[in-house]
Amino acid sequence: MSRLINEGYGLNFNEYVNELRIKAVIRQLEQRAHKHLTIMGIAYDCGFNAKTTFNRCFKKATGLTPGDYIKTKGLKD
């Protein structure tokens, strides 16, 4: 399985899983789940176990911190 992910996506298994987790976080942010959960609560729900890993992966995937993503996408009221 790892070889297929590596060859097909150019990512190792952990990078692939974290990419899926970030996409899940972004979906929840766009559904405004952060109005009743903290950003870290959403990250934990999506499978992240550490704040530093989440923040690093989020910034790598989007180029923004989670807070900046919310601001620039107009998700903050």
PDB file of N, CA and C in Angstrom:
ATOM      1  N   MET A   1       0.831  -1.189   0.000  1.00  0.00           N
ATOM      2  CA  MET A   1       0.000   0.000   0.000  1.00  0.00           C
ATOM      3  C   MET A   1       0.873   1.250   0.000  1.00  0.00           C
ATOM      4  N   SER A   2       1.893   1.259   0.837  1.00  0.00           N
ATOM      5  CA  SER A   2       2.781   2.428   0.898  1.00  0.00           C
ATOM      6  C   SER A   2       3.449   2.689  -0.449  1.00  0.00           C
ATOM      7  N   ARG A   3       3.860   1.641  -1.117  1.00  0.00           N
ATOM      8  CA  ARG A   3       4.509   1.802  -2.420  1.00  0.00           C
ATOM      9  C   ARG A   3       3.550   2.424  -3.430  1.00  0.00           C
ATOM     10  N   LEU A   4       2.291   1.984  -3.423  1.00  0.00           N
ATOM     11  CA  LEU A   4       1.297   2.539  -4.345  1.00  0.00           C
ATOM     12  C   LEU A   4       1.061   4.027  -4.078  1.00  0.00           C
ATOM     13  N   ILE A   5       0.981   4.386  -2.814  1.00  0.00           N
ATOM     14  CA  ILE A   5       0.791   5.791  -2.446  1.00  0.00           C
ATOM     15  C   ILE A   5       2.003   6.600  -2.885  1.00  0.00           C
ATOM     16  N   ASN A   6       3.185   6.058  -2.640  1.00  0.00           N
ATOM     17  CA  ASN A   6       4.417   6.755  -3.006  1.00  0.00           C
ATOM     18  C   ASN A   6       4.511   6.953  -4.511  1.00  0.00           C
ATOM     19  N   GLU A   7       4.231   5.928  -5.258  1.00  0.00           N
ATOM     20  CA  GLU A   7       4.327   6.012  -6.710  1.00  0.00           C
ATOM     21  C   GLU A   7       3.181   6.825  -7.317  1.00  0.00           C
ATOM     22  N   GLY A   8       1.994   6.675  -6.781  1.00  0.00           N
ATOM     23  CA  GLY A   8       0.829   7.355  -7.350  1.00  0.00           C
ATOM     24  C   GLY A   8       0.696   8.808  -6.963  1.00  0.00           C
ATOM     25  N   TYR A   9       1.059   9.134  -5.729  1.00  0.00           N
ATOM     26  CA  TYR A   9       0.871  10.493  -5.229  1.00  0.00           C
ATOM     27  C   TYR A   9       2.176  11.226  -4.943  1.00  0.00           C
ATOM     28  N   GLY A  10       3.282  10.498  -4.950  1.00  0.00           N
ATOM     29  CA  GLY A  10       4.567  11.117  -4.638  1.00  0.00           C
ATOM     30  C   GLY A  10       4.702  11.500  -3.183  1.00  0.00           C
ATOM     31  N   LEU A  11       3.949  10.837  -2.327  1.00  0.00           N
ATOM     32  CA  LEU A  11       3.961  11.094  -0.890  1.00  0.00           C
ATOM     33  C   LEU A  11       4.227   9.800  -0.138  1.00  0.00           C
ATOM     34  N   ASN A  12       4.816   9.920   1.059  1.00  0.00           N
ATOM     35  CA  ASN A  12       4.893   8.729   1.888  1.00  0.00           C
ATOM     36  C   ASN A  12       3.547   8.541   2.599  1.00  0.00           C
ATOM     37  N   PHE A  13       3.378   7.434   3.261  1.00  0.00           N
ATOM     38  CA  PHE A  13       2.087   7.107   3.864  1.00  0.00           C
ATOM     39  C   PHE A  13       1.629   8.189   4.838  1.00  0.00           C
ATOM     40  N   ASN A  14       2.523   8.639   5.724  1.00  0.00           N
ATOM     41  CA  ASN A  14       2.143   9.646   6.716  1.00  0.00           C
ATOM     42  C   ASN A  14       1.743  10.964   6.054  1.00  0.00           C
ATOM     43  N   GLU A  15       2.466  11.380   5.030  1.00  0.00           N
ATOM     44  CA  GLU A  15       2.119  12.604   4.322  1.00  0.00           C
ATOM     45  C   GLU A  15       0.740  12.479   3.674  1.00  0.00           C
ATOM     46  N   TYR A  16       0.469  11.321   3.099  1.00  0.00           N
ATOM     47  CA  TYR A  16      -0.818  11.083   2.455  1.00  0.00           C
ATOM     48  C   TYR A  16      -1.965  11.153   3.470  1.00  0.00           C
ATOM     49  N   VAL A  17      -1.794  10.477   4.598  1.00  0.00           N
ATOM     50  CA  VAL A  17      -2.833  10.478   5.631  1.00  0.00           C
ATOM     51  C   VAL A  17      -3.039  11.895   6.169  1.00  0.00           C
ATOM     52  N   ASN A  18      -1.956  12.608   6.414  1.00  0.00           N
ATOM     53  CA  ASN A  18      -2.086  13.979   6.924  1.00  0.00           C
ATOM     54  C   ASN A  18      -2.749  14.895   5.912  1.00  0.00           C
ATOM     55  N   GLU A  19      -2.507  14.676   4.633  1.00  0.00           N
ATOM     56  CA  GLU A  19      -3.174  15.458   3.589  1.00  0.00           C
ATOM     57  C   GLU A  19      -4.689  15.225   3.634  1.00  0.00           C
ATOM     58  N   LEU A  20      -5.086  13.974   3.810  1.00  0.00           N
ATOM     59  CA  LEU A  20      -6.518  13.667   3.933  1.00  0.00           C
ATOM     60  C   LEU A  20      -7.108  14.319   5.181  1.00  0.00           C
ATOM     61  N   ARG A  21      -6.351  14.306   6.262  1.00  0.00           N
ATOM     62  CA  ARG A  21      -6.817  14.932   7.503  1.00  0.00           C
ATOM     63  C   ARG A  21      -6.991  16.441   7.323  1.00  0.00           C
ATOM     64  N   ILE A  22      -6.045  17.086   6.645  1.00  0.00           N
ATOM     65  CA  ILE A  22      -6.144  18.529   6.413  1.00  0.00           C
ATOM     66  C   ILE A  22      -7.368  18.841   5.562  1.00  0.00           C
ATOM     67  N   LYS A  23      -7.630  18.032   4.553  1.00  0.00           N
ATOM     68  CA  LYS A  23      -8.826  18.236   3.736  1.00  0.00           C
ATOM     69  C   LYS A  23     -10.090  18.123   4.586  1.00  0.00           C
ATOM     70  N   ALA A  24     -10.101  17.187   5.531  1.00  0.00           N
ATOM     71  CA  ALA A  24     -11.249  17.043   6.431  1.00  0.00           C
ATOM     72  C   ALA A  24     -11.391  18.264   7.336  1.00  0.00           C
ATOM     73  N   VAL A  25     -10.271  18.784   7.823  1.00  0.00           N
ATOM     74  CA  VAL A  25     -10.303  19.991   8.653  1.00  0.00           C
ATOM     75  C   VAL A  25     -10.860  21.160   7.843  1.00  0.00           C
ATOM     76  N   ILE A  26     -10.380  21.324   6.628  1.00  0.00           N
ATOM     77  CA  ILE A  26     -10.833  22.429   5.780  1.00  0.00           C
ATOM     78  C   ILE A  26     -12.333  22.319   5.508  1.00  0.00           C
ATOM     79  N   ARG A  27     -12.821  21.117   5.257  1.00  0.00           N
ATOM     80  CA  ARG A  27     -14.273  20.939   5.051  1.00  0.00           C
ATOM     81  C   ARG A  27     -15.039  21.408   6.276  1.00  0.00           C
ATOM     82  N   GLN A  28     -14.554  21.036   7.459  1.00  0.00           N
ATOM     83  CA  GLN A  28     -15.255  21.442   8.682  1.00  0.00           C
ATOM     84  C   GLN A  28     -15.166  22.953   8.902  1.00  0.00           C
ATOM     85  N   LEU A  29     -14.013  23.545   8.587  1.00  0.00           N
ATOM     86  CA  LEU A  29     -13.897  24.997   8.717  1.00  0.00           C
ATOM     87  C   LEU A  29     -14.869  25.694   7.775  1.00  0.00           C
ATOM     88  N   GLU A  30     -14.972  25.195   6.555  1.00  0.00           N
ATOM     89  CA  GLU A  30     -15.884  25.802   5.583  1.00  0.00           C
ATOM     90  C   GLU A  30     -17.345  25.603   5.966  1.00  0.00           C
ATOM     91  N   GLN A  31     -17.626  24.571   6.749  1.00  0.00           N
ATOM     92  CA  GLN A  31     -18.979  24.358   7.263  1.00  0.00           C
ATOM     93  C   GLN A  31     -19.177  25.111   8.575  1.00  0.00           C
ATOM     94  N   ARG A  32     -18.167  25.894   8.930  1.00  0.00           N
ATOM     95  CA  ARG A  32     -18.185  26.741  10.129  1.00  0.00           C
ATOM     96  C   ARG A  32     -18.288  25.964  11.437  1.00  0.00           C
ATOM     97  N   ALA A  33     -17.698  24.779  11.462  1.00  0.00           N
ATOM     98  CA  ALA A  33     -17.664  23.990  12.691  1.00  0.00           C
ATOM     99  C   ALA A  33     -16.850  24.701  13.765  1.00  0.00           C
ATOM    100  N   HIS A  34     -15.959  25.612  13.348  1.00  0.00           N
ATOM    101  CA  HIS A  34     -15.139  26.337  14.317  1.00  0.00           C
ATOM    102  C   HIS A  34     -15.953  27.345  15.125  1.00  0.00           C
ATOM    103  N   LYS A  35     -17.222  27.494  14.803  1.00  0.00           N
ATOM    104  CA  LYS A  35     -18.077  28.377  15.590  1.00  0.00           C
ATOM    105  C   LYS A  35     -18.453  27.739  16.927  1.00  0.00           C
ATOM    106  N   HIS A  36     -18.463  26.412  16.972  1.00  0.00           N
ATOM    107  CA  HIS A  36     -18.792  25.739  18.230  1.00  0.00           C
ATOM    108  C   HIS A  36     -17.689  24.805  18.709  1.00  0.00           C
ATOM    109  N   LEU A  37     -16.609  24.662  17.941  1.00  0.00           N
ATOM    110  CA  LEU A  37     -15.444  23.891  18.347  1.00  0.00           C
ATOM    111  C   LEU A  37     -14.202  24.751  18.156  1.00  0.00           C
ATOM    112  N   THR A  38     -13.173  24.469  18.924  1.00  0.00           N
ATOM    113  CA  THR A  38     -11.905  25.144  18.664  1.00  0.00           C
ATOM    114  C   THR A  38     -11.277  24.532  17.420  1.00  0.00           C
ATOM    115  N   ILE A  39     -10.336  25.250  16.841  1.00  0.00           N
ATOM    116  CA  ILE A  39      -9.630  24.707  15.686  1.00  0.00           C
ATOM    117  C   ILE A  39      -8.933  23.406  16.077  1.00  0.00           C
ATOM    118  N   MET A  40      -8.360  23.374  17.268  1.00  0.00           N
ATOM    119  CA  MET A  40      -7.690  22.141  17.709  1.00  0.00           C
ATOM    120  C   MET A  40      -8.694  21.028  17.966  1.00  0.00           C
ATOM    121  N   GLY A  41      -9.869  21.352  18.410  1.00  0.00           N
ATOM    122  CA  GLY A  41     -10.914  20.342  18.571  1.00  0.00           C
ATOM    123  C   GLY A  41     -11.244  19.697  17.241  1.00  0.00           C
ATOM    124  N   ILE A  42     -11.328  20.516  16.199  1.00  0.00           N
ATOM    125  CA  ILE A  42     -11.571  20.001  14.856  1.00  0.00           C
ATOM    126  C   ILE A  42     -10.395  19.134  14.412  1.00  0.00           C
ATOM    127  N   ALA A  43      -9.174  19.622  14.652  1.00  0.00           N
ATOM    128  CA  ALA A  43      -7.978  18.864  14.261  1.00  0.00           C
ATOM    129  C   ALA A  43      -7.943  17.507  14.956  1.00  0.00           C
ATOM    130  N   TYR A  44      -8.246  17.486  16.234  1.00  0.00           N
ATOM    131  CA  TYR A  44      -8.272  16.207  16.966  1.00  0.00           C
ATOM    132  C   TYR A  44      -9.355  15.287  16.402  1.00  0.00           C
ATOM    133  N   ASP A  45     -10.517  15.841  16.098  1.00  0.00           N
ATOM    134  CA  ASP A  45     -11.596  15.043  15.516  1.00  0.00           C
ATOM    135  C   ASP A  45     -11.198  14.442  14.171  1.00  0.00           C
ATOM    136  N   CYS A  46     -10.321  15.126  13.454  1.00  0.00           N
ATOM    137  CA  CYS A  46      -9.887  14.665  12.130  1.00  0.00           C
ATOM    138  C   CYS A  46      -8.660  13.763  12.196  1.00  0.00           C
ATOM    139  N   GLY A  47      -8.194  13.456  13.398  1.00  0.00           N
ATOM    140  CA  GLY A  47      -7.129  12.470  13.549  1.00  0.00           C
ATOM    141  C   GLY A  47      -5.771  12.975  13.957  1.00  0.00           C
ATOM    142  N   PHE A  48      -5.603  14.290  14.092  1.00  0.00           N
ATOM    143  CA  PHE A  48      -4.312  14.801  14.553  1.00  0.00           C
ATOM    144  C   PHE A  48      -4.201  14.622  16.054  1.00  0.00           C
ATOM    145  N   ASN A  49      -3.002  14.282  16.511  1.00  0.00           N
ATOM    146  CA  ASN A  49      -2.770  14.061  17.940  1.00  0.00           C
ATOM    147  C   ASN A  49      -1.913  15.143  18.571  1.00  0.00           C
ATOM    148  N   ALA A  50      -1.293  15.988  17.745  1.00  0.00           N
ATOM    149  CA  ALA A  50      -0.395  17.012  18.273  1.00  0.00           C
ATOM    150  C   ALA A  50      -0.617  18.334  17.538  1.00  0.00           C
ATOM    151  N   LYS A  51      -0.630  19.401  18.291  1.00  0.00           N
ATOM    152  CA  LYS A  51      -0.846  20.730  17.739  1.00  0.00           C
ATOM    153  C   LYS A  51       0.261  21.102  16.755  1.00  0.00           C
ATOM    154  N   THR A  52       1.509  20.802  17.104  1.00  0.00           N
ATOM    155  CA  THR A  52       2.619  21.169  16.227  1.00  0.00           C
ATOM    156  C   THR A  52       2.536  20.444  14.892  1.00  0.00           C
ATOM    157  N   THR A  53       2.183  19.182  14.910  1.00  0.00           N
ATOM    158  CA  THR A  53       2.047  18.426  13.660  1.00  0.00           C
ATOM    159  C   THR A  53       0.913  18.999  12.828  1.00  0.00           C
ATOM    160  N   PHE A  54      -0.205  19.276  13.464  1.00  0.00           N
ATOM    161  CA  PHE A  54      -1.343  19.857  12.745  1.00  0.00           C
ATOM    162  C   PHE A  54      -0.962  21.187  12.102  1.00  0.00           C
ATOM    163  N   ASN A  55      -0.377  22.097  12.887  1.00  0.00           N
ATOM    164  CA  ASN A  55      -0.023  23.411  12.357  1.00  0.00           C
ATOM    165  C   ASN A  55       0.979  23.304  11.210  1.00  0.00           C
ATOM    166  N   ARG A  56       1.974  22.432  11.344  1.00  0.00           N
ATOM    167  CA  ARG A  56       2.970  22.244  10.291  1.00  0.00           C
ATOM    168  C   ARG A  56       2.320  21.722   9.018  1.00  0.00           C
ATOM    169  N   CYS A  57       1.480  20.706   9.145  1.00  0.00           N
ATOM    170  CA  CYS A  57       0.807  20.108   7.985  1.00  0.00           C
ATOM    171  C   CYS A  57      -0.164  21.087   7.342  1.00  0.00           C
ATOM    172  N   PHE A  58      -0.893  21.842   8.150  1.00  0.00           N
ATOM    173  CA  PHE A  58      -1.859  22.804   7.617  1.00  0.00           C
ATOM    174  C   PHE A  58      -1.148  23.876   6.810  1.00  0.00           C
ATOM    175  N   LYS A  59      -0.060  24.415   7.378  1.00  0.00           N
ATOM    176  CA  LYS A  59       0.671  25.468   6.676  1.00  0.00           C
ATOM    177  C   LYS A  59       1.321  24.930   5.408  1.00  0.00           C
ATOM    178  N   LYS A  60       1.814  23.695   5.448  1.00  0.00           N
ATOM    179  CA  LYS A  60       2.416  23.093   4.258  1.00  0.00           C
ATOM    180  C   LYS A  60       1.365  22.920   3.156  1.00  0.00           C
ATOM    181  N   ALA A  61       0.164  22.536   3.539  1.00  0.00           N
ATOM    182  CA  ALA A  61      -0.892  22.265   2.560  1.00  0.00           C
ATOM    183  C   ALA A  61      -1.523  23.541   2.004  1.00  0.00           C
ATOM    184  N   THR A  62      -1.648  24.567   2.832  1.00  0.00           N
ATOM    185  CA  THR A  62      -2.389  25.756   2.419  1.00  0.00           C
ATOM    186  C   THR A  62      -1.525  27.007   2.265  1.00  0.00           C
ATOM    187  N   GLY A  63      -0.350  26.990   2.864  1.00  0.00           N
ATOM    188  CA  GLY A  63       0.494  28.185   2.873  1.00  0.00           C
ATOM    189  C   GLY A  63       0.098  29.181   3.948  1.00  0.00           C
ATOM    190  N   LEU A  64      -0.898  28.823   4.751  1.00  0.00           N
ATOM    191  CA  LEU A  64      -1.416  29.707   5.798  1.00  0.00           C
ATOM    192  C   LEU A  64      -1.533  28.962   7.117  1.00  0.00           C
ATOM    193  N   THR A  65      -1.508  29.708   8.214  1.00  0.00           N
ATOM    194  CA  THR A  65      -1.846  29.113   9.491  1.00  0.00           C
ATOM    195  C   THR A  65      -3.364  28.892   9.508  1.00  0.00           C
ATOM    196  N   PRO A  66      -3.864  28.042  10.385  1.00  0.00           N
ATOM    197  CA  PRO A  66      -5.323  27.857  10.441  1.00  0.00           C
ATOM    198  C   PRO A  66      -6.081  29.163  10.689  1.00  0.00           C
ATOM    199  N   GLY A  67      -5.588  29.985  11.598  1.00  0.00           N
ATOM    200  CA  GLY A  67      -6.248  31.264  11.879  1.00  0.00           C
ATOM    201  C   GLY A  67      -6.254  32.189  10.671  1.00  0.00           C
ATOM    202  N   ASP A  68      -5.127  32.260   9.973  1.00  0.00           N
ATOM    203  CA  ASP A  68      -5.049  33.091   8.773  1.00  0.00           C
ATOM    204  C   ASP A  68      -5.948  32.545   7.670  1.00  0.00           C
ATOM    205  N   TYR A  69      -6.045  31.234   7.580  1.00  0.00           N
ATOM    206  CA  TYR A  69      -6.932  30.611   6.583  1.00  0.00           C
ATOM    207  C   TYR A  69      -8.381  31.061   6.832  1.00  0.00           C
ATOM    208  N   ILE A  70      -8.804  31.001   8.073  1.00  0.00           N
ATOM    209  CA  ILE A  70     -10.171  31.403   8.428  1.00  0.00           C
ATOM    210  C   ILE A  70     -10.400  32.873   8.063  1.00  0.00           C
ATOM    211  N   LYS A  71      -9.416  33.726   8.364  1.00  0.00           N
ATOM    212  CA  LYS A  71      -9.554  35.161   8.055  1.00  0.00           C
ATOM    213  C   LYS A  71      -9.606  35.411   6.549  1.00  0.00           C
ATOM    214  N   THR A  72      -8.687  34.808   5.797  1.00  0.00           N
ATOM    215  CA  THR A  72      -8.605  35.099   4.370  1.00  0.00           C
ATOM    216  C   THR A  72      -9.760  34.502   3.579  1.00  0.00           C
ATOM    217  N   LYS A  73     -10.357  33.435   4.087  1.00  0.00           N
ATOM    218  CA  LYS A  73     -11.487  32.819   3.410  1.00  0.00           C
ATOM    219  C   LYS A  73     -12.820  33.420   3.833  1.00  0.00           C
ATOM    220  N   GLY A  74     -12.758  34.402   4.729  1.00  0.00           N
ATOM    221  CA  GLY A  74     -13.987  35.069   5.177  1.00  0.00           C
ATOM    222  C   GLY A  74     -14.860  34.181   6.044  1.00  0.00           C
ATOM    223  N   LEU A  75     -14.236  33.278   6.776  1.00  0.00           N
ATOM    224  CA  LEU A  75     -14.992  32.341   7.614  1.00  0.00           C
ATOM    225  C   LEU A  75     -15.155  32.851   9.038  1.00  0.00           C
ATOM    226  N   LYS A  76     -14.550  33.984   9.324  1.00  0.00           N
ATOM    227  CA  LYS A  76     -14.648  34.542  10.656  1.00  0.00           C
ATOM    228  C   LYS A  76     -15.695  35.646  10.656  1.00  0.00           C
ATOM    229  N   ASP A  77     -16.645  35.531  11.524  1.00  0.00           N
ATOM    230  CA  ASP A  77     -17.708  36.560  11.613  1.00  0.00           C
ATOM    231  C   ASP A  77     -17.403  37.550  12.698  1.00  0.00           C
TER     232      ASP A  77
END
